Amino acid sequence: MGHYRQRMDFPPPQDDAPPLASPLAGVVASFMPRLAEFAFDPGLVAAVDQHAAAVCDKLNAVEAPMPAQRTVDRGDLTDYVLGFKDVLAETGWHEPVGYDFATLRLTAICWLVREKDLLAF
């Protein structure tokens, strides 16, 4: 689909910026448009759902070995995004036109932020 390549440079928070200037807001700004493709690609929905489940499992593994539901906290997800972003920067990752593991994971993070209303105050 008509996506352009971009570097994994999320805008840094600024001292006078509103509270939305966070790593999660950067991911949402960059990857939220990909959620519109759900309407045209059921396989994409399934792949993003699997990635969202994996993120939730990873975040919940600290609290309980087998989480019963997908729970996610803004602070934990922010920490996860920071670590994931660091790994992508170290490997020189660039957003592809299609979907790769990183793009699916970042789209899943976007979906979690939207579904769990994690940018609302």
Protein backbone atom coordinates (compact mmCIF):
# COMPACT_ATOMS: atom_id res chain seq x y z
CA MET A 1 0.00 0.00 0.00
CA GLY A 2 1.25 3.52 -0.58
CA HIS A 3 3.52 3.98 2.41
CA TYR A 4 6.82 5.80 2.26
CA ARG A 5 10.01 4.86 4.01
CA GLN A 6 10.87 6.75 7.13
CA ARG A 7 13.48 6.52 9.82
CA MET A 8 12.55 5.52 13.32
CA ASP A 9 12.86 9.10 14.57
CA PHE A 10 10.00 9.92 16.87
CA PRO A 11 9.75 13.54 17.89
CA PRO A 12 11.49 14.12 21.22
CA PRO A 13 9.44 15.55 24.07
CA GLN A 14 9.90 19.28 24.54
CA ASP A 15 9.84 21.06 27.88
CA ASP A 16 6.84 23.21 26.96
CA ALA A 17 5.07 20.48 24.98
CA PRO A 18 1.70 19.10 26.07
CA PRO A 19 1.63 15.76 27.92
CA LEU A 20 1.01 13.86 24.67
CA ALA A 21 4.64 14.44 23.64
CA SER A 22 5.72 10.93 24.62
CA PRO A 23 7.11 7.85 22.92
CA LEU A 24 3.57 6.48 22.68
CA ALA A 25 2.35 9.66 21.01
CA GLY A 26 5.22 9.38 18.53
CA VAL A 27 4.28 5.80 17.64
CA VAL A 28 0.63 6.79 17.31
CA ALA A 29 1.49 9.72 15.05
CA SER A 30 3.63 7.52 12.82
CA PHE A 31 1.63 4.28 12.71
CA MET A 32 -2.04 5.09 13.42
CA PRO A 33 -2.75 5.59 9.69
CA ARG A 34 -1.90 1.90 9.15
CA LEU A 35 -4.94 0.91 11.22
CA ALA A 36 -7.14 2.15 8.36
CA GLU A 37 -5.85 -0.81 6.32
CA PHE A 38 -7.70 -3.20 8.64
CA ALA A 39 -10.83 -2.72 6.54
CA PHE A 40 -9.09 -4.13 3.49
CA ASP A 41 -6.88 -6.87 4.91
CA PRO A 42 -8.23 -9.43 7.42
CA GLY A 43 -4.78 -11.05 7.51
CA LEU A 44 -3.34 -7.77 8.76
CA VAL A 45 -5.93 -7.68 11.54
CA ALA A 46 -4.91 -11.18 12.62
CA ALA A 47 -1.19 -10.38 12.51
CA VAL A 48 -1.60 -7.17 14.50
CA ASP A 49 -3.82 -9.00 17.01
CA GLN A 50 -1.08 -11.59 17.53
CA HIS A 51 1.50 -8.87 18.05
CA ALA A 52 -0.78 -7.05 20.51
CA ALA A 53 -1.23 -10.29 22.44
CA ALA A 54 2.54 -10.84 22.49
CA VAL A 55 3.15 -7.33 23.84
CA CYS A 56 0.50 -7.81 26.54
CA ASP A 57 1.92 -11.21 27.45
CA LYS A 58 5.39 -9.74 27.74
CA LEU A 59 4.20 -6.83 29.89
CA ASN A 60 2.03 -9.07 32.08
CA ALA A 61 4.67 -11.80 32.49
CA VAL A 62 6.21 -9.80 35.33
CA GLU A 63 2.94 -9.78 37.27
CA ALA A 64 1.49 -13.20 36.49
CA PRO A 65 2.74 -16.14 34.44
CA MET A 66 -0.55 -16.64 32.55
CA PRO A 67 -2.54 -13.41 32.17
CA ALA A 68 -6.26 -14.01 31.78
CA GLN A 69 -6.87 -10.88 29.74
CA ARG A 70 -4.99 -8.26 27.82
CA THR A 71 -4.12 -5.59 30.30
CA VAL A 72 -1.59 -2.92 29.62
CA ASP A 73 -0.45 0.12 31.53
CA ARG A 74 0.71 3.34 29.84
CA GLY A 75 3.97 3.44 31.80
CA ASP A 76 4.86 -0.18 31.03
CA LEU A 77 3.98 0.24 27.36
CA THR A 78 6.06 3.43 27.19
CA ASP A 79 9.05 1.56 28.63
CA TYR A 80 8.50 -1.22 26.10
CA VAL A 81 8.37 1.29 23.23
CA LEU A 82 11.57 2.97 24.40
CA GLY A 83 13.41 -0.36 24.47
CA PHE A 84 11.97 -1.46 21.14
CA LYS A 85 12.87 1.88 19.57
CA ASP A 86 16.44 1.55 20.86
CA VAL A 87 16.82 -1.90 19.29
CA LEU A 88 15.46 -0.62 15.98
CA ALA A 89 17.84 2.36 16.03
CA GLU A 90 20.81 0.07 16.78
CA THR A 91 19.95 -2.11 13.79
CA GLY A 92 19.40 0.84 11.45
CA TRP A 93 15.77 -0.14 10.79
CA HIS A 94 13.74 1.89 8.30
CA GLU A 95 10.00 1.59 7.91
CA PRO A 96 9.28 -0.54 4.84
CA VAL A 97 6.54 0.02 2.30
CA GLY A 98 4.79 -3.17 3.47
CA TYR A 99 4.88 -4.90 6.80
CA ASP A 100 7.73 -6.54 8.64
CA PHE A 101 8.00 -7.69 12.26
CA ALA A 102 8.78 -4.20 13.57
CA THR A 103 6.01 -2.52 11.60
CA LEU A 104 3.47 -5.09 12.80
CA ARG A 105 4.66 -4.66 16.38
CA LEU A 106 4.47 -0.85 16.20
CA THR A 107 1.03 -1.03 14.57
CA ALA A 108 -0.07 -3.36 17.38
CA ILE A 109 1.21 -0.87 19.95
CA CYS A 110 -0.85 1.80 18.19
CA TRP A 111 -3.90 -0.44 18.33
CA LEU A 112 -3.36 -1.07 22.06
CA VAL A 113 -2.98 2.66 22.73
CA ARG A 114 -6.25 3.31 20.90
CA GLU A 115 -8.20 0.38 22.39
CA LYS A 116 -7.01 0.97 25.95
CA ASP A 117 -7.29 4.77 25.63
CA LEU A 118 -3.73 5.18 26.88
CA LEU A 119 -3.21 8.75 25.70
CA ALA A 120 -6.32 10.09 27.44
CA PHE A 121 -5.85 12.00 30.64
